[in-house]
Amino acid sequence: MTSPGDRHKPRVAIAGASGFVGTKIRTALSEHFQWLALTRSATISGSQTSDDHTSWRHCDLFSLPQVEQALSGADYGIYLVHSMLPSSRLVQGDFADMDLLLADNFARAARSAGLKHIIYLGGLIPEDQSHLSPHLQSRLEVEKVLRASGIPVTVLRAGLIVGPGGSSTRMLINLVHRLPFMILPRWTRSVTQSIDVRDVVRAFDIVLREENYQGKTYDLAGHPSMTYKNMILSTGRVMNKHPRAITYPFHSIKLSRAWVRFISGVPAQLVNPLLESLTHDLSAADNPLLARMLPDCIEFETSVRSAMTAEGALVENPRASTQKIDRSLLRAAKRVRSIQRLPLPKGWDAPTVANAYGSWLTKKFRGLIYVDRSSDGELIFWLRYPALKLLVLSPTPFSRKGGRRRAFYISGGVLAQQVDPPGRLEFRLIPELNCLVAAIHGFSPSLPWALYSQTQARVHLWVMRSFAKYLAKV
C-alpha cells in the first residue's frame, strides 16, 4: 500500500529496471522516487512484489501499445535498454537495428504519456567519430531517436561500469582468476575510463532532482584513464594475484571474442560489442556534472573489491537465475523475432511500403506466390499451385492512422500457428536516420522447428534482403 508521503514523490518509469544498473538505482534512490519498473521477464514480474517504492509492469518493449500502457502515469523516464540478450528462440537481425526499434517505441510512448524528462545511459564516444564500432554507433543512434520525441533528454555517457553483478567486472575478475599467464592483443592497450556503479547512481540522482543539469550530455568517469591491460593488472593486485602478461601488435577481435567468452563465462552477446568498443581510446570530456562528482568518486580497486565476497569469490549477477529460466521459456515458446533495417525511398510512408511489399513479392515470385489485398487492408499470401493460403496478415487497430508505422497481426495461413498473443509484422519509419525497419515479432511457425529454422527462416531473411535492394533502387 502506498503511504501518503509516497503519493507526492515523482513517478519514474525505468526501462531495464531489473538489470545491473537499474536494480542499483531503484534500491539507492527509493527515498526520493516511486518506480514504475518495466521488465519483459515474466519470471521477474511474476516473482517480484510491488511495494511502497516499486510497481512492477510486465512489458514487451518491442510492442508499442504495451510500452504506452506501461508508461502511463509516469513523470520521468530512465532508459537503460540494450538488446544484446536473446528475446526469442530465434532472433534474426543486428542488435543495433533492435536497439533502434526499441528506442523509437520508448520515445513515441513517452510522448504519448506526457513524460517531462528522459535520462539515457549511453557509452563514452571517442573524439574521432569517423570509424565508430557498431556498438558505439548504435548508442549515438539511440540518443538521436530519443531526442526526436521532443521531450528533454539527458544523456549520461559511461565507459566500463564496475560493481557487483556487472558483466564487465565479471569479465575482468574471471580473466585474472583463471589465467596466470596472458598473451594480450592490441586492443588491451587502448585507453579507457571506468566508473563505479554507485557513482553512476549518484549521477542519476543529481540529474533527476536538479533542473539545471537536465537536457544535456555528460561524460561520466570516476577512475583514472588506463589501458585494459592495466585494469587487468590492477584487478590482480586486489585479488592478490599477479598474472604475467605480454602484448602483441594485432587486435585479433574474432580470436579475442572466443577466448574471453570461454574464460570469463560472459555471454557472446555481451562480450562482442564490448570488445569492439575497446578498440577505441575512450576518455570522459570535462563537464560540470563530472567536475562536481569527481572529488567523491570511488577508486578503481575499491570498486573491484566490492564485486567480490570476503572469501574472494565473485558476486554473481542477481538476474543470473532468472535469465536461465527466461531462456528455457523462450526455447519452449518457439517464437521468432526478425528485424532488418531497410532503405527509405524519398516521399514514402509506412502504408506505401507495406503495399509495395505485397506487389513486389508478387512480381518477384511470379507464377509461384502472389499477394491479395482485401478491402479492409488484409494481405493474403497465396501459393498458386496448389492453391494454399500461406499467410494472412490483418492490420492491427494500433497502426491504421498515421504514416510512420504499419503493423499486421499474423492471423492465419498454413505456415503460421494461431497463438495468443499472435505474431505480427510491422514496417516502421525512422526519419531521424532516413531509414525504415521491417520486423516480425512473436511469430510461431507451424513447421517443425528443425525444418523451419533451415527453410522458411532462411527464405524470409533472403526475401527481406532482396526487398532492401529493391527499395534502394527506388
Protein backbone atom coordinates (compact mmCIF):
# COMPACT_ATOMS: atom_id res chain seq x y z
CA MET A 1 0.00 0.00 0.00
CA THR A 2 1.28 3.46 -0.90
CA SER A 3 1.79 5.82 2.04
CA PRO A 4 0.59 9.49 1.89
CA GLY A 5 4.20 10.67 1.56
CA ASP A 6 4.84 8.41 -1.40
CA ARG A 7 1.94 9.95 -3.35
CA HIS A 8 3.95 13.16 -3.68
CA LYS A 9 7.11 11.50 -4.96
CA PRO A 10 7.84 11.81 -8.71
CA ARG A 11 6.95 8.63 -10.56
CA VAL A 12 9.86 7.39 -12.66
CA ALA A 13 9.50 4.63 -15.26
CA ILE A 14 12.66 2.55 -15.66
CA ALA A 15 13.13 0.51 -18.81
CA GLY A 16 15.70 -2.07 -17.78
CA ALA A 17 14.65 -1.96 -14.13
CA SER A 18 15.83 -5.48 -13.27
CA GLY A 19 19.30 -5.11 -14.79
CA PHE A 20 22.66 -4.34 -13.19
CA VAL A 21 22.30 -0.53 -13.14
CA GLY A 22 18.50 -0.41 -12.86
CA THR A 23 18.49 -2.51 -9.70
CA LYS A 24 21.09 -0.25 -8.05
CA ILE A 25 19.14 2.91 -8.97
CA ARG A 26 15.86 1.58 -7.57
CA THR A 27 17.50 0.42 -4.35
CA ALA A 28 19.54 3.54 -3.67
CA LEU A 29 17.05 6.26 -4.63
CA SER A 30 13.76 4.85 -3.38
CA GLU A 31 13.60 7.54 -0.67
CA HIS A 32 13.00 10.21 -3.30
CA PHE A 33 11.12 8.46 -6.13
CA GLN A 34 8.38 5.97 -6.90
CA TRP A 35 9.41 3.47 -9.54
CA LEU A 36 7.40 2.03 -12.40
CA ALA A 37 9.70 -0.92 -13.09
CA LEU A 38 9.42 -2.22 -16.67
CA THR A 39 10.60 -5.75 -17.41
CA ARG A 40 9.98 -8.17 -20.27
CA SER A 41 10.76 -11.10 -17.97
CA ALA A 42 7.62 -12.95 -16.93
CA THR A 43 9.78 -14.68 -14.30
CA ILE A 44 10.69 -11.37 -12.65
CA SER A 45 7.30 -9.69 -12.96
CA GLY A 46 5.65 -12.81 -11.56
CA SER A 47 8.03 -13.21 -8.62
CA GLN A 48 8.57 -9.58 -7.61
CA THR A 49 6.05 -7.99 -5.28
CA SER A 50 5.12 -4.35 -5.80
CA ASP A 51 5.66 -2.25 -2.67
CA ASP A 52 5.57 1.36 -1.49
CA HIS A 53 8.51 2.24 -3.76
CA THR A 54 8.19 0.00 -6.81
CA SER A 55 5.33 -1.07 -9.04
CA TRP A 56 6.34 -3.83 -11.49
CA ARG A 57 4.92 -3.73 -15.02
CA HIS A 58 5.42 -6.65 -17.38
CA CYS A 59 6.13 -5.09 -20.75
CA ASP A 60 7.45 -6.27 -24.11
CA LEU A 61 9.40 -3.21 -25.22
CA PHE A 62 9.08 -4.37 -28.84
CA SER A 63 5.32 -3.70 -28.58
CA LEU A 64 4.46 -0.01 -28.86
CA PRO A 65 0.96 -0.40 -27.31
CA GLN A 66 2.46 -2.23 -24.32
CA VAL A 67 5.10 0.46 -23.80
CA GLU A 68 2.44 3.18 -23.99
CA GLN A 69 0.41 1.37 -21.34
CA ALA A 70 3.47 0.77 -19.13
CA LEU A 71 4.49 4.47 -19.17
CA SER A 72 1.01 5.66 -18.24
CA GLY A 73 1.17 7.81 -15.10
CA ALA A 74 4.94 8.36 -15.17
CA ASP A 75 6.53 11.78 -14.71
CA TYR A 76 10.04 10.86 -15.88
CA GLY A 77 11.66 8.02 -17.78
CA ILE A 78 15.02 6.26 -17.40
CA TYR A 79 16.17 4.29 -20.43
CA LEU A 80 18.77 1.57 -19.72
CA VAL A 81 17.92 -0.86 -22.51
CA HIS A 82 20.43 -2.62 -24.77
CA SER A 83 19.10 -5.54 -26.79
CA MET A 84 22.13 -7.80 -26.53
CA LEU A 85 20.50 -10.86 -24.99
CA PRO A 86 18.01 -13.06 -26.92
CA SER A 87 14.33 -12.09 -26.80
CA SER A 88 13.01 -15.12 -28.75
CA ARG A 89 14.14 -18.65 -29.52
CA LEU A 90 15.28 -17.46 -32.96
CA VAL A 91 16.47 -13.89 -33.44
CA GLN A 92 17.44 -12.63 -36.88
CA GLY A 93 18.98 -9.18 -37.07
CA ASP A 94 21.69 -6.92 -35.68
CA PHE A 95 21.48 -5.65 -32.12
CA ALA A 96 21.77 -2.08 -33.48
CA ASP A 97 18.56 -2.46 -35.51
CA MET A 98 16.77 -3.89 -32.47
CA ASP A 99 18.02 -1.05 -30.27
CA LEU A 100 16.76 1.40 -32.88
CA LEU A 101 13.25 -0.04 -32.82
CA LEU A 102 13.16 -0.24 -29.01
CA ALA A 103 14.26 3.37 -28.64
CA ASP A 104 11.64 4.54 -31.13
CA ASN A 105 8.96 2.68 -29.17
CA PHE A 106 10.06 4.29 -25.91
CA ALA A 107 10.30 7.77 -27.45
CA ARG A 108 6.84 7.57 -29.01
CA ALA A 109 5.29 6.11 -25.86
CA ALA A 110 6.96 8.75 -23.69
CA ARG A 111 5.48 11.49 -25.85
CA SER A 112 2.01 9.91 -25.63
CA ALA A 113 2.31 9.55 -21.84
CA GLY A 114 3.41 13.18 -21.42
CA LEU A 115 6.77 12.45 -19.77
CA LYS A 116 8.64 15.59 -18.72
CA HIS A 117 12.18 14.25 -18.92
CA ILE A 118 14.10 11.19 -20.19
CA ILE A 119 17.53 10.07 -18.96
CA TYR A 120 19.50 7.70 -21.15
CA LEU A 121 22.64 5.82 -20.13
CA GLY A 122 24.85 5.57 -23.21
CA GLY A 123 28.54 4.97 -23.82
CA LEU A 124 31.66 7.13 -23.97
CA ILE A 125 32.31 8.30 -27.53
CA PRO A 126 35.80 8.99 -28.93
CA GLU A 127 36.66 12.41 -30.34
CA ASP A 128 37.11 10.93 -33.82
CA GLN A 129 33.68 9.53 -34.73
CA SER A 130 34.55 8.58 -38.32
CA HIS A 131 35.12 4.87 -37.60
CA LEU A 132 32.96 4.03 -34.61
CA SER A 133 32.34 0.43 -33.64
CA PRO A 134 28.77 -0.79 -34.30
CA HIS A 135 28.18 -0.74 -30.55
CA LEU A 136 29.08 2.93 -30.10
CA GLN A 137 27.36 3.95 -33.34
CA SER A 138 24.21 2.32 -32.00
CA ARG A 139 24.44 4.31 -28.76
CA LEU A 140 24.53 7.56 -30.75
CA GLU A 141 21.53 6.47 -32.83
CA VAL A 142 19.53 5.80 -29.68
CA GLU A 143 20.36 9.28 -28.39
CA LYS A 144 19.12 10.79 -31.63
CA VAL A 145 15.86 8.82 -31.67
CA LEU A 146 15.07 9.62 -28.03
CA ARG A 147 15.64 13.33 -28.64
CA ALA A 148 13.26 13.20 -31.60
CA SER A 149 10.45 12.68 -29.07
CA GLY A 150 10.57 16.41 -28.33
CA ILE A 151 10.97 15.65 -24.61
CA PRO A 152 14.09 17.00 -22.84
CA VAL A 153 16.66 14.17 -22.86
CA THR A 154 19.68 13.98 -20.59
CA VAL A 155 22.40 11.63 -21.84
CA LEU A 156 24.88 10.14 -19.38
CA ARG A 157 27.79 8.52 -21.23
CA ALA A 158 29.80 5.96 -19.31
CA GLY A 159 32.58 3.53 -20.16
CA LEU A 160 33.03 0.30 -18.20
CA ILE A 161 30.76 0.28 -15.14
CA VAL A 162 32.37 -1.62 -12.28
CA GLY A 163 30.43 -3.20 -9.43
CA PRO A 164 28.85 -6.40 -8.08
CA GLY A 165 26.88 -8.22 -10.76
CA GLY A 166 28.24 -6.23 -13.72
CA SER A 167 29.28 -8.16 -16.82
CA SER A 168 32.44 -6.04 -17.35
CA THR A 169 33.53 -6.70 -13.75
CA ARG A 170 32.81 -10.40 -14.10
CA MET A 171 34.92 -10.49 -17.24
CA LEU A 172 37.87 -8.78 -15.53
CA ILE A 173 37.80 -10.89 -12.36
CA ASN A 174 37.35 -14.22 -14.13
CA LEU A 175 40.21 -13.48 -16.55
CA VAL A 176 42.57 -12.75 -13.67
CA HIS A 177 41.31 -15.66 -11.57
CA ARG A 178 41.64 -18.27 -14.32
CA LEU A 179 44.68 -17.11 -16.32
CA PRO A 180 48.09 -16.91 -14.60
CA PHE A 181 49.66 -16.03 -17.97
CA MET A 182 48.10 -13.92 -20.74
CA ILE A 183 49.03 -13.00 -24.30
CA LEU A 184 47.17 -9.75 -24.80
CA PRO A 185 46.16 -8.39 -28.23
CA ARG A 186 46.50 -4.78 -29.29
CA TRP A 187 43.07 -3.67 -28.07
CA THR A 188 44.19 -4.15 -24.46
CA ARG A 189 46.47 -1.12 -24.97
CA SER A 190 43.54 1.16 -25.78
CA VAL A 191 42.87 3.74 -23.09
CA THR A 192 39.50 3.68 -21.37
CA GLN A 193 37.92 5.24 -18.30
CA SER A 194 35.68 3.29 -15.96
CA ILE A 195 33.35 4.25 -13.12
CA ASP A 196 31.84 2.61 -10.04
CA VAL A 197 28.15 1.74 -10.37
CA ARG A 198 27.45 3.70 -7.17
CA ASP A 199 28.80 6.84 -8.82
CA VAL A 200 26.58 6.21 -11.84
CA VAL A 201 23.63 6.07 -9.44
CA ARG A 202 24.79 9.36 -7.90
CA ALA A 203 24.76 10.96 -11.36
CA PHE A 204 21.18 9.81 -11.92
CA ASP A 205 20.18 11.25 -8.54
CA ILE A 206 21.62 14.67 -9.41
CA VAL A 207 20.12 14.78 -12.89
CA LEU A 208 16.68 13.65 -11.70
CA ARG A 209 16.44 16.20 -8.90
CA GLU A 210 18.27 19.29 -10.19
CA GLU A 211 16.77 21.00 -13.23
CA ASN A 212 19.93 22.91 -14.19
CA TYR A 213 21.58 19.59 -15.17
CA GLN A 214 18.72 18.38 -17.35
CA GLY A 215 18.54 18.20 -21.14
CA LYS A 216 22.31 17.98 -21.73
CA THR A 217 25.00 15.36 -22.40
CA TYR A 218 27.57 14.43 -19.75
CA ASP A 219 30.51 12.05 -19.88
CA LEU A 220 30.92 10.07 -16.66
CA ALA A 221 34.14 8.71 -15.19
CA GLY A 222 35.33 8.03 -11.67
CA HIS A 223 38.59 6.18 -12.26
CA PRO A 224 41.77 7.49 -13.93
CA SER A 225 42.30 6.73 -17.62
CA MET A 226 44.06 3.39 -18.01
CA THR A 227 44.59 0.70 -20.58
CA TYR A 228 42.63 -2.54 -20.35
CA LYS A 229 45.94 -4.27 -19.63
CA ASN A 230 46.47 -2.02 -16.60
CA MET A 231 42.91 -2.75 -15.47
CA ILE A 232 43.74 -6.46 -15.55
CA LEU A 233 46.93 -5.93 -13.54
CA SER A 234 45.15 -3.67 -11.01
CA THR A 235 42.42 -6.27 -10.61
CA GLY A 236 45.14 -8.84 -9.98
CA ARG A 237 46.56 -6.74 -7.12
CA VAL A 238 43.13 -6.60 -5.49
CA MET A 239 42.86 -10.39 -5.76
CA ASN A 240 46.47 -10.89 -4.62
CA LYS A 241 47.26 -12.45 -7.97
CA HIS A 242 49.99 -11.37 -10.34
CA PRO A 243 49.27 -12.60 -13.87
CA ARG A 244 52.14 -12.38 -16.31
CA ALA A 245 51.11 -10.59 -19.50
CA ILE A 246 52.72 -9.79 -22.83
CA THR A 247 51.08 -7.95 -25.73
CA TYR A 248 51.29 -8.49 -29.47
CA PRO A 249 50.55 -5.87 -32.16
CA PHE A 250 47.22 -7.12 -33.60
CA HIS A 251 43.64 -6.54 -32.46
CA SER A 252 42.56 -10.15 -33.20
CA ILE A 253 38.96 -9.34 -32.31
CA LYS A 254 37.50 -12.63 -33.52
CA LEU A 255 40.04 -14.69 -31.59
CA SER A 256 39.63 -12.43 -28.54
CA ARG A 257 35.86 -12.92 -28.56
CA ALA A 258 36.29 -16.67 -28.39
CA TRP A 259 38.83 -16.81 -25.56
CA VAL A 260 37.20 -14.05 -23.48
CA ARG A 261 33.81 -15.82 -23.73
CA PHE A 262 35.37 -19.15 -22.81
CA ILE A 263 37.48 -17.90 -19.90
CA SER A 264 35.15 -15.28 -18.41
CA GLY A 265 31.84 -17.10 -18.85
CA VAL A 266 30.19 -13.88 -20.11
CA PRO A 267 27.68 -14.48 -22.98
CA ALA A 268 28.82 -13.75 -26.53
CA GLN A 269 26.06 -11.16 -26.97
CA LEU A 270 27.71 -9.05 -24.23
CA VAL A 271 31.37 -9.77 -24.98
CA ASN A 272 31.33 -8.98 -28.71
CA PRO A 273 30.10 -5.35 -28.60
CA LEU A 274 32.28 -4.61 -25.57
CA LEU A 275 35.48 -5.79 -27.26
CA GLU A 276 34.64 -3.84 -30.43
CA SER A 277 34.25 -0.62 -28.43
CA LEU A 278 37.56 -1.24 -26.64
CA THR A 279 39.44 -0.78 -29.91
CA HIS A 280 38.85 2.98 -29.36
CA ASP A 281 40.56 5.26 -26.87
CA LEU A 282 37.72 6.41 -24.61
CA SER A 283 38.05 9.20 -22.06
CA ALA A 284 35.47 11.43 -20.43
CA ALA A 285 35.37 15.05 -21.57
CA ASP A 286 35.30 17.73 -18.87
CA ASN A 287 31.81 18.87 -17.91
CA PRO A 288 30.05 20.47 -14.91
CA LEU A 289 28.48 17.24 -13.65
CA LEU A 290 31.78 15.35 -13.78
CA ALA A 291 33.59 18.20 -12.02
CA ARG A 292 31.03 18.07 -9.21
CA MET A 293 31.27 14.31 -8.80
CA LEU A 294 35.00 13.58 -9.21
CA PRO A 295 36.21 14.59 -5.71
CA ASP A 296 33.99 11.91 -4.13
CA CYS A 297 34.26 9.18 -6.75
CA ILE A 298 35.17 5.66 -5.62
CA GLU A 299 38.63 4.36 -6.54
CA PHE A 300 39.06 1.56 -9.08
CA GLU A 301 40.45 -1.04 -6.71
CA THR A 302 37.67 -0.31 -4.19
CA SER A 303 35.15 -0.82 -6.99
CA VAL A 304 36.66 -4.18 -7.91
CA ARG A 305 36.77 -5.26 -4.27
CA SER A 306 33.04 -4.51 -3.93
CA ALA A 307 32.34 -7.11 -6.62
CA MET A 308 33.87 -9.90 -4.55
CA THR A 309 32.86 -11.61 -1.33
CA ALA A 310 35.07 -11.61 1.77
CA GLU A 311 36.35 -15.01 0.62
CA GLY A 312 37.33 -13.58 -2.77
CA ALA A 313 34.52 -15.18 -4.77
CA LEU A 314 32.73 -13.27 -7.49
CA VAL A 315 29.39 -11.68 -6.55
CA GLU A 316 27.05 -13.06 -9.17
CA ASN A 317 24.52 -11.04 -11.13
CA PRO A 318 21.23 -11.35 -9.19
CA ARG A 319 19.49 -11.91 -12.52
CA ALA A 320 21.57 -14.98 -13.38
CA SER A 321 18.98 -17.45 -12.07
CA THR A 322 16.00 -15.73 -13.70
CA GLN A 323 17.88 -15.44 -17.01
CA LYS A 324 18.24 -19.23 -17.10
CA ILE A 325 14.50 -19.64 -16.54
CA ASP A 326 13.72 -16.99 -19.16
CA ARG A 327 15.94 -18.72 -21.73
CA SER A 328 14.19 -22.04 -21.14
CA LEU A 329 10.78 -20.36 -21.52
CA LEU A 330 11.87 -18.71 -24.78
CA ARG A 331 13.07 -22.03 -26.10
CA ALA A 332 9.83 -23.76 -25.18
CA ALA A 333 7.68 -20.99 -26.72
CA LYS A 334 9.32 -21.44 -30.17
CA ARG A 335 8.75 -17.84 -31.24
CA VAL A 336 10.69 -15.88 -33.85
CA ARG A 337 11.90 -12.28 -33.99
CA SER A 338 13.39 -10.92 -37.21
CA ILE A 339 14.38 -7.26 -37.60
CA GLN A 340 16.05 -5.64 -40.61
CA ARG A 341 16.94 -2.04 -41.39
CA LEU A 342 15.93 -1.07 -44.94
CA PRO A 343 16.44 1.94 -47.20
CA LEU A 344 13.66 4.54 -47.11
CA PRO A 345 12.59 5.77 -50.58
CA LYS A 346 12.03 9.51 -50.69
CA GLY A 347 8.43 10.51 -50.06
CA TRP A 348 7.29 7.04 -48.93
CA ASP A 349 5.36 6.36 -45.73
CA ALA A 350 4.75 3.05 -43.93
CA PRO A 351 1.45 2.16 -45.70
CA THR A 352 3.19 2.74 -49.04
CA VAL A 353 5.99 0.38 -48.01
CA ALA A 354 3.51 -2.30 -46.88
CA ASN A 355 1.58 -2.12 -50.16
CA ALA A 356 4.82 -2.15 -52.16
CA TYR A 357 5.97 -5.24 -50.27
CA GLY A 358 2.95 -7.23 -51.44
CA SER A 359 3.26 -6.02 -55.04
CA TRP A 360 7.00 -6.67 -55.10
CA LEU A 361 6.58 -10.21 -53.75
CA THR A 362 4.01 -11.00 -56.45
CA LYS A 363 6.42 -9.85 -59.17
CA LYS A 364 9.45 -11.45 -57.54
CA PHE A 365 7.82 -14.88 -57.31
CA ARG A 366 5.74 -14.61 -60.48
CA GLY A 367 3.89 -17.87 -61.11
CA LEU A 368 4.65 -19.24 -57.63
CA ILE A 369 3.38 -16.81 -54.95
CA TYR A 370 1.05 -13.84 -55.15
CA VAL A 371 -0.36 -11.41 -52.59
CA ASP A 372 -4.01 -10.32 -52.43
CA ARG A 373 -5.06 -7.12 -50.71
CA SER A 374 -8.62 -7.09 -49.31
CA SER A 375 -10.85 -4.04 -48.92
CA ASP A 376 -10.17 -3.86 -45.16
CA GLY A 377 -6.40 -3.91 -45.66
CA GLU A 378 -5.65 -7.61 -45.14
CA LEU A 379 -2.67 -9.04 -47.00
CA ILE A 380 -3.14 -12.70 -48.05
CA PHE A 381 -0.11 -14.62 -49.32
CA TRP A 382 -1.12 -17.42 -51.72
CA LEU A 383 0.74 -20.35 -53.20
CA ARG A 384 -0.57 -20.66 -56.79
CA TYR A 385 -0.24 -24.40 -57.36
CA PRO A 386 -1.77 -25.99 -55.41
CA ALA A 387 -3.81 -23.03 -54.18
CA LEU A 388 -2.92 -22.55 -50.50
CA LYS A 389 -3.20 -19.63 -48.13
CA LEU A 390 0.34 -19.38 -46.83
CA LEU A 391 -0.10 -16.39 -44.52
CA VAL A 392 -2.85 -13.92 -43.63
CA LEU A 393 -1.87 -10.51 -42.28
CA SER A 394 -4.61 -8.43 -40.63
CA PRO A 395 -3.98 -4.72 -39.85
CA THR A 396 -3.73 -4.02 -36.12
CA PRO A 397 -6.03 -1.35 -34.68
CA PHE A 398 -2.98 0.50 -33.33
CA SER A 399 -1.43 1.40 -36.68
CA ARG A 400 -4.28 2.35 -39.02
CA LYS A 401 -3.67 6.07 -38.51
CA GLY A 402 -0.50 7.95 -39.33
CA GLY A 403 2.24 7.25 -41.80
CA ARG A 404 5.21 6.25 -39.63
CA ARG A 405 4.03 2.75 -38.74
CA ARG A 406 2.02 -0.04 -40.38
CA ALA A 407 1.53 -3.24 -38.39
CA PHE A 408 -0.28 -6.52 -39.06
CA TYR A 409 -1.25 -9.49 -36.92
CA ILE A 410 -0.18 -12.81 -38.46
CA SER A 411 -3.73 -14.13 -38.20
CA GLY A 412 -3.85 -17.19 -40.46
CA GLY A 413 -2.30 -19.35 -43.17
CA VAL A 414 -0.79 -22.81 -43.23
CA LEU A 415 2.69 -21.54 -42.32
CA ALA A 416 1.62 -19.97 -39.02
CA GLN A 417 0.31 -21.41 -35.78
CA GLN A 418 -2.54 -19.50 -34.17
CA VAL A 419 -1.23 -18.41 -30.79
CA ASP A 420 -2.04 -15.81 -28.14
CA PRO A 421 -0.73 -13.20 -28.44
CA PRO A 422 -0.47 -13.51 -32.24
CA GLY A 423 2.73 -12.82 -34.09
CA ARG A 424 2.93 -9.57 -36.02
CA LEU A 425 4.72 -7.91 -38.93
CA GLU A 426 5.42 -4.20 -38.97
CA PHE A 427 7.04 -1.57 -41.12
CA ARG A 428 8.35 1.41 -39.16
CA LEU A 429 9.82 4.66 -40.50
CA ILE A 430 12.76 6.19 -38.62
CA PRO A 431 13.02 9.54 -40.42
CA GLU A 432 15.69 10.81 -37.99
CA LEU A 433 18.09 8.28 -39.57
CA ASN A 434 16.47 8.23 -43.03
CA CYS A 435 15.66 4.53 -42.87
CA LEU A 436 12.84 2.13 -42.12
CA VAL A 437 12.68 -1.06 -40.09
CA ALA A 438 10.86 -4.24 -41.09
CA ALA A 439 10.18 -6.51 -38.14
CA ILE A 440 8.49 -9.79 -37.29
CA HIS A 441 7.67 -10.27 -33.59
CA GLY A 442 6.45 -13.38 -31.82
CA PHE A 443 5.87 -15.42 -34.97
CA SER A 444 5.03 -19.06 -34.23
CA PRO A 445 5.75 -21.32 -37.25
CA SER A 446 3.62 -24.35 -37.97
CA LEU A 447 6.53 -26.29 -39.48
CA PRO A 448 8.57 -28.48 -37.10
CA TRP A 449 11.22 -26.24 -35.56
CA ALA A 450 14.23 -28.02 -37.04
CA LEU A 451 12.69 -27.83 -40.53
CA TYR A 452 11.53 -24.24 -40.11
CA SER A 453 14.91 -22.94 -38.97
CA GLN A 454 16.63 -24.42 -42.04
CA THR A 455 13.99 -23.48 -44.63
CA GLN A 456 11.32 -20.85 -44.02
CA ALA A 457 13.51 -18.79 -41.67
CA ARG A 458 16.33 -18.62 -44.21
CA VAL A 459 13.93 -17.80 -47.04
CA HIS A 460 12.44 -14.93 -45.03
CA LEU A 461 15.88 -13.44 -44.41
CA TRP A 462 16.74 -13.71 -48.11
CA VAL A 463 13.41 -12.11 -49.07
CA MET A 464 13.96 -9.11 -46.77
CA ARG A 465 17.48 -8.59 -48.12
CA SER A 466 16.13 -8.71 -51.66
CA PHE A 467 13.37 -6.24 -50.74
CA ALA A 468 16.06 -3.94 -49.34
CA LYS A 469 17.84 -3.98 -52.70
CA TYR A 470 14.57 -3.14 -54.44
CA LEU A 471 13.94 -0.19 -52.10
CA ALA A 472 17.49 1.06 -52.65
CA LYS A 473 16.86 1.14 -56.41
CA VAL A 474 13.58 3.02 -55.89
